[in-house]
């Protein structure tokens, strides 16, 4: 579904990615783990068109997207939940959700996906008329994912969905990630909580200083002594 080959991204004179290659197959949850500054978010931003690669290729369902604009990529069937959630704080929950469907004109489908988002996140149903900026951190993350659902993505990019959230909320978010995937949406997950990421993912990549250092089934990486010491806090 998604194939990245030899991706190089620079911010001015600083090179953030040094030839990253990875793939995501239809129906998978693939996670990208690594320390702060490793290049995880830059990878997602390159995939969704938010930054322009210096070189390398990005193909989504066999189509090159490395030079496409973000809204064009959304129309192809990809949604990106950015780090920090990116909600519109001065707008209501309902208005934020509706913005997720800005590329669509199928009223019945939009209504169905709107209801699906509220079923996944019942708290949002109770707060539809509330300003998004007054929500808790966990509720804002739910809103960001709910808004992405309104695009009806075939591939969902999630950037640090557990960042700054209480442990119980983190468990809820990851359970919903499983449910979204089970319903047919492929997911590429960037996550600093390596324990939860490897628990939910099918396959994983370890990114270090802009390079892929390890890859394989998530269960195998979770059992690796190197990964356990570096990312899982196990001596």
Foldseek 3Di string as FASTA:
>chain_A
DKWWFQWWAADVVRTQAGTATDDFDFLFEEEEEEDPSLCLLVVVCQQQAVGATPDTFMDDPRHTCNPPHNVVVLLVFEEEQHVVRPFDQQAFLQVRLVVLQVVDDPVVLLVVLLVVLCVLPVVCVVGRRPGLNPDDLLVSLSSSVSSPSSSVHLEYEYEASCPPHDPVSVVSVLVSVLVVSVVGHYYYYYHLLLVSSLVRGQKYFYGGSNYTDDIDGSVVLCPDPVCCVPRVVDD
